[in-house]
Amino acid sequence: RTGLILDIKYKDETDKLAAASSKLLMTYPYNEPVFYTKFTEMVPSFTPINVTDFVEDHPADLSVYGLDQPSYVLTIADESNTYVVRYGNKTPDGKKVYCMMDGKNYVFTQMASKIEAFEEIDPYVMCERYAHLIDIQLVSEIKVTGFGKTYDLVVDRENNQFIINGKEVSENSFRTAYRYIVGTGLSSDSGAPTGGEPEITIVFYFLDGTQYTANYYPYDDRNYSIDRNGENSNFLVLKKTMTDLFKQLETSAQG
């Protein structure tokens, strides 16, 4: 393949688009929390880096092994080290693949199953597939607009109050509404924002003064396309999901 296939990192305090329970964040090709179990299932396909044969020390011509233009590059980084493995052609018998590590001046082989694992990667399968999975501890206010209505949800931490449209409601009612908002599921990744005026807008206002906006555009009879902070993600959300959300917001607003 050409270009970046997958980029996953451990989330840190600057990453808002992930619930507290999500340890990992995919930053490419989607900006989505990752199922940790899916990640741990994938990692053994690439690690450990087991050398089957040493082929050549200080190779004069990397093109012999397809390493001048590697088919895949695996980068693994922690706080103190970065490991880069480049994968070239398969050996003539097709059972192994030629490899080099950055900083090492020799060619070695690994089993071909390593490179075959790259060909089986489906980033979408690894995503938790939520439109805006955001930790309530980061949020001061959420404003939801659509269908001619606006719901303004405010967390007043100083007075320990939960407010919807200026009216104090029970914590349970507020949190139920919030769960519906952040639990908005993605139905597929086959769409594209259609432009024009959004039918629904959800804005999260964060305690640090920043904000996050999700716009929902009519896509077809069943789906909305979603644009998140100007990001064209190609995700779709079922219209029924959003009508159910507004029904719950109306119920929660009653207290």
Protein backbone atom coordinates (compact mmCIF):
# COMPACT_ATOMS: atom_id res chain seq x y z
CA ARG A 1 0.00 0.00 0.00
CA THR A 2 1.01 3.61 -0.43
CA GLY A 3 1.07 6.01 2.47
CA LEU A 4 0.18 5.67 6.13
CA ILE A 5 -2.15 2.77 6.97
CA LEU A 6 -2.63 3.09 10.70
CA ASP A 7 -1.46 5.30 13.57
CA ILE A 8 -2.37 4.47 17.18
CA LYS A 9 -1.09 6.09 20.35
CA TYR A 10 -1.78 6.01 24.06
CA LYS A 11 -4.05 8.91 24.90
CA ASP A 12 -2.86 11.71 27.16
CA GLU A 13 -4.47 14.63 28.98
CA THR A 14 -4.65 16.67 25.75
CA ASP A 15 -6.85 14.10 24.00
CA LYS A 16 -10.49 15.01 24.52
CA LEU A 17 -12.12 12.71 21.97
CA ALA A 18 -11.90 9.62 24.15
CA ALA A 19 -13.74 8.48 27.25
CA ALA A 20 -11.77 7.95 30.45
CA SER A 21 -11.91 4.19 29.92
CA SER A 22 -10.26 4.39 26.50
CA LYS A 23 -6.51 3.91 26.75
CA LEU A 24 -5.75 4.19 23.05
CA LEU A 25 -6.57 6.69 20.34
CA MET A 26 -6.36 6.14 16.60
CA THR A 27 -5.11 9.30 14.91
CA TYR A 28 -5.14 7.89 11.35
CA PRO A 29 -7.12 7.07 9.26
CA TYR A 30 -9.79 7.94 11.83
CA ASN A 31 -9.73 10.11 14.92
CA GLU A 32 -11.38 7.51 17.13
CA PRO A 33 -10.89 5.66 20.43
CA VAL A 34 -9.61 2.13 19.92
CA PHE A 35 -10.94 -1.10 21.37
CA TYR A 36 -8.04 -2.09 23.62
CA THR A 37 -8.80 -5.79 23.15
CA LYS A 38 -8.63 -5.36 19.36
CA PHE A 39 -5.25 -3.67 19.74
CA THR A 40 -3.85 -6.40 21.97
CA GLU A 41 -5.09 -9.00 19.50
CA MET A 42 -3.30 -7.21 16.67
CA VAL A 43 0.08 -6.56 18.32
CA PRO A 44 1.28 -10.21 18.44
CA SER A 45 0.97 -10.28 14.64
CA PHE A 46 3.85 -7.79 14.42
CA THR A 47 5.87 -8.48 17.55
CA PRO A 48 8.23 -9.76 18.74
CA ILE A 49 10.68 -9.14 15.92
CA ASN A 50 12.00 -12.67 15.49
CA VAL A 51 14.95 -13.06 13.12
CA THR A 52 14.81 -16.27 11.09
CA ASP A 53 18.03 -15.68 9.07
CA PHE A 54 20.77 -13.07 8.78
CA VAL A 55 21.18 -12.40 5.05
CA GLU A 56 23.76 -9.67 4.44
CA ASP A 57 25.80 -7.26 6.53
CA HIS A 58 26.19 -3.69 5.20
CA PRO A 59 24.23 -4.37 1.99
CA ALA A 60 25.48 -2.49 -1.06
CA ASP A 61 22.18 -2.58 -2.97
CA LEU A 62 18.95 -2.49 -0.99
CA SER A 63 16.87 -2.88 -4.16
CA VAL A 64 17.93 -6.54 -4.29
CA TYR A 65 15.71 -7.07 -1.26
CA GLY A 66 13.01 -4.53 -2.06
CA LEU A 67 14.22 -2.42 0.86
CA ASP A 68 15.00 0.68 -1.19
CA GLN A 69 11.24 1.19 -1.43
CA PRO A 70 9.84 -0.96 1.38
CA SER A 71 6.32 -2.30 1.06
CA TYR A 72 5.60 -1.66 4.75
CA VAL A 73 7.23 0.25 7.60
CA LEU A 74 6.42 -0.55 11.24
CA THR A 75 7.21 2.13 13.84
CA ILE A 76 6.90 1.36 17.55
CA ALA A 77 7.73 4.11 20.04
CA ASP A 78 7.67 4.41 23.81
CA GLU A 79 8.83 7.20 26.08
CA SER A 80 12.52 6.54 25.52
CA ASN A 81 12.95 4.45 22.35
CA THR A 82 11.71 4.25 18.78
CA TYR A 83 11.99 1.09 16.71
CA VAL A 84 11.52 1.18 12.95
CA VAL A 85 11.35 -2.02 10.89
CA ARG A 86 11.25 -1.91 7.09
CA TYR A 87 9.79 -4.81 5.11
CA GLY A 88 10.86 -5.51 1.54
CA ASN A 89 10.25 -8.41 -0.84
CA LYS A 90 9.45 -11.96 0.08
CA THR A 91 12.18 -14.55 -0.32
CA PRO A 92 12.07 -16.65 -3.51
CA ASP A 93 10.22 -19.46 -1.74
CA GLY A 94 7.59 -16.98 -0.48
CA LYS A 95 7.94 -18.16 3.11
CA LYS A 96 9.92 -15.23 4.51
CA VAL A 97 10.30 -11.48 4.02
CA TYR A 98 13.46 -9.37 3.92
CA CYS A 99 13.72 -6.75 6.70
CA MET A 100 15.98 -4.06 8.11
CA MET A 101 15.79 -2.07 11.32
CA ASP A 102 16.78 1.58 11.43
CA GLY A 103 20.21 1.87 13.03
CA LYS A 104 21.16 -1.71 12.10
CA ASN A 105 23.29 -2.26 9.01
CA TYR A 106 22.19 -5.75 8.10
CA VAL A 107 19.37 -7.47 6.26
CA PHE A 108 17.49 -10.28 7.97
CA THR A 109 14.35 -12.25 7.33
CA GLN A 110 11.16 -12.87 9.27
CA MET A 111 8.32 -15.21 8.50
CA ALA A 112 6.07 -13.92 5.71
CA SER A 113 3.12 -14.01 8.10
CA LYS A 114 4.46 -10.73 9.51
CA ILE A 115 3.89 -8.84 6.26
CA GLU A 116 0.64 -10.68 5.59
CA ALA A 117 -0.66 -9.31 8.88
CA PHE A 118 -0.31 -5.77 7.51
CA GLU A 119 -2.44 -6.70 4.51
CA GLU A 120 -5.26 -7.80 6.82
CA ILE A 121 -5.47 -4.55 8.83
CA ASP A 122 -8.94 -2.99 8.85
CA PRO A 123 -8.69 0.24 10.88
CA TYR A 124 -12.48 0.67 11.06
CA VAL A 125 -12.87 -2.66 12.86
CA MET A 126 -10.54 -1.40 15.59
CA CYS A 127 -12.51 1.79 16.28
CA GLU A 128 -14.99 2.08 19.13
CA ARG A 129 -17.23 3.89 16.60
CA TYR A 130 -18.71 6.70 18.63
CA ALA A 131 -19.30 10.13 17.14
CA HIS A 132 -18.01 12.09 20.13
CA LEU A 133 -16.97 9.96 23.08
CA ILE A 134 -15.96 12.73 25.48
CA ASP A 135 -15.37 12.52 29.23
CA ILE A 136 -17.89 14.63 31.17
CA GLN A 137 -15.11 15.66 33.57
CA LEU A 138 -13.64 17.80 30.78
CA VAL A 139 -16.89 19.57 29.92
CA SER A 140 -18.61 22.69 31.29
CA GLU A 141 -21.47 22.91 28.80
CA ILE A 142 -22.99 21.06 25.84
CA LYS A 143 -25.36 22.74 23.41
CA VAL A 144 -27.50 20.59 21.10
CA THR A 145 -29.47 22.28 18.31
CA GLY A 146 -31.82 20.67 15.78
CA PHE A 147 -35.42 20.17 14.68
CA GLY A 148 -36.18 23.74 15.72
CA LYS A 149 -35.08 23.14 19.32
CA THR A 150 -32.03 23.87 21.46
CA TYR A 151 -30.96 22.03 24.59
CA ASP A 152 -28.31 23.70 26.70
CA LEU A 153 -26.75 21.35 29.27
CA VAL A 154 -24.60 23.01 31.93
CA VAL A 155 -22.54 21.41 34.69
CA ASP A 156 -22.35 23.88 37.60
CA ARG A 157 -19.56 22.30 39.61
CA GLU A 158 -19.34 25.17 42.09
CA ASN A 159 -22.93 24.64 43.23
CA ASN A 160 -23.07 20.94 42.36
CA GLN A 161 -25.98 21.50 40.00
CA PHE A 162 -26.98 19.98 36.68
CA ILE A 163 -28.92 22.36 34.46
CA ILE A 164 -30.81 21.91 31.19
CA ASN A 165 -32.19 25.04 29.50
CA GLY A 166 -31.77 27.08 32.65
CA LYS A 167 -33.62 24.62 34.87
CA GLU A 168 -31.96 22.46 37.50
CA VAL A 169 -32.58 18.76 36.88
CA SER A 170 -31.61 15.64 38.75
CA GLU A 171 -28.12 14.29 38.25
CA ASN A 172 -29.59 11.07 36.90
CA SER A 173 -31.65 12.94 34.26
CA PHE A 174 -28.62 14.97 33.23
CA ARG A 175 -26.27 12.02 33.02
CA THR A 176 -28.80 10.00 31.03
CA ALA A 177 -28.99 12.80 28.48
CA TYR A 178 -25.20 13.03 28.42
CA ARG A 179 -24.87 9.29 27.84
CA TYR A 180 -27.18 9.57 24.84
CA ILE A 181 -25.07 12.39 23.42
CA VAL A 182 -21.67 10.72 23.84
CA GLY A 183 -23.12 7.30 23.01
CA THR A 184 -24.07 8.42 19.50
CA GLY A 185 -22.91 5.49 17.41
CA LEU A 186 -21.45 5.52 13.91
CA SER A 187 -23.34 3.35 11.45
CA SER A 188 -20.67 3.14 8.73
CA ASP A 189 -17.71 4.93 7.19
CA SER A 190 -19.01 5.01 3.62
CA GLY A 191 -20.47 8.50 3.50
CA ALA A 192 -19.20 12.00 2.99
CA PRO A 193 -20.43 15.34 4.34
CA THR A 194 -22.89 16.80 1.85
CA GLY A 195 -22.40 20.45 2.75
CA GLY A 196 -25.08 23.10 3.03
CA GLU A 197 -26.68 23.83 6.37
CA PRO A 198 -26.39 21.21 9.12
CA GLU A 199 -29.65 19.83 10.44
CA ILE A 200 -28.17 19.14 13.88
CA THR A 201 -25.24 20.72 15.71
CA ILE A 202 -23.66 19.58 18.96
CA VAL A 203 -21.07 21.80 20.64
CA PHE A 204 -18.98 20.74 23.63
CA TYR A 205 -17.48 23.58 25.68
CA PHE A 206 -14.44 22.47 27.67
CA LEU A 207 -13.16 23.68 30.99
CA ASP A 208 -9.92 24.80 29.36
CA GLY A 209 -11.80 27.28 27.14
CA THR A 210 -11.69 25.24 23.91
CA GLN A 211 -14.67 23.73 22.15
CA TYR A 212 -15.59 20.87 19.84
CA THR A 213 -18.35 21.00 17.22
CA ALA A 214 -20.14 18.14 15.47
CA ASN A 215 -22.38 19.03 12.53
CA TYR A 216 -24.89 16.55 11.12
CA TYR A 217 -25.97 16.85 7.46
CA PRO A 218 -28.77 14.91 5.72
CA TYR A 219 -27.11 12.16 3.67
CA ASP A 220 -29.89 9.80 2.58
CA ASP A 221 -33.23 8.55 3.88
CA ARG A 222 -31.62 6.67 6.78
CA ASN A 223 -28.43 8.52 7.65
CA TYR A 224 -26.73 11.77 8.51
CA SER A 225 -23.16 12.48 7.53
CA ILE A 226 -21.07 14.02 10.28
CA ASP A 227 -18.41 16.71 10.21
CA ARG A 228 -16.43 16.96 13.43
CA ASN A 229 -14.43 20.13 13.98
CA GLY A 230 -14.19 20.54 10.21
CA GLU A 231 -12.88 17.02 9.77
CA ASN A 232 -14.32 15.11 6.81
CA SER A 233 -14.37 11.64 8.35
CA ASN A 234 -16.84 9.95 5.94
CA PHE A 235 -18.79 8.61 8.92
CA LEU A 236 -22.55 8.16 8.91
CA VAL A 237 -24.98 8.23 11.84
CA LEU A 238 -28.48 6.78 11.68
CA LYS A 239 -31.24 9.38 11.70
CA LYS A 240 -33.12 7.22 14.20
CA THR A 241 -30.20 7.58 16.62
CA MET A 242 -30.57 11.34 16.53
CA THR A 243 -34.37 11.38 16.85
CA ASP A 244 -34.01 9.10 19.88
CA LEU A 245 -31.43 11.53 21.29
CA PHE A 246 -33.81 14.48 21.01
CA LYS A 247 -36.61 12.50 22.64
CA GLN A 248 -34.32 11.77 25.57
CA LEU A 249 -33.19 15.39 25.81
CA GLU A 250 -36.82 16.47 26.05
CA THR A 251 -37.46 13.90 28.78
CA SER A 252 -34.33 14.86 30.73
CA ALA A 253 -35.18 18.56 30.45
CA GLN A 254 -38.32 17.87 32.47
CA GLY A 255 -36.19 16.97 35.45
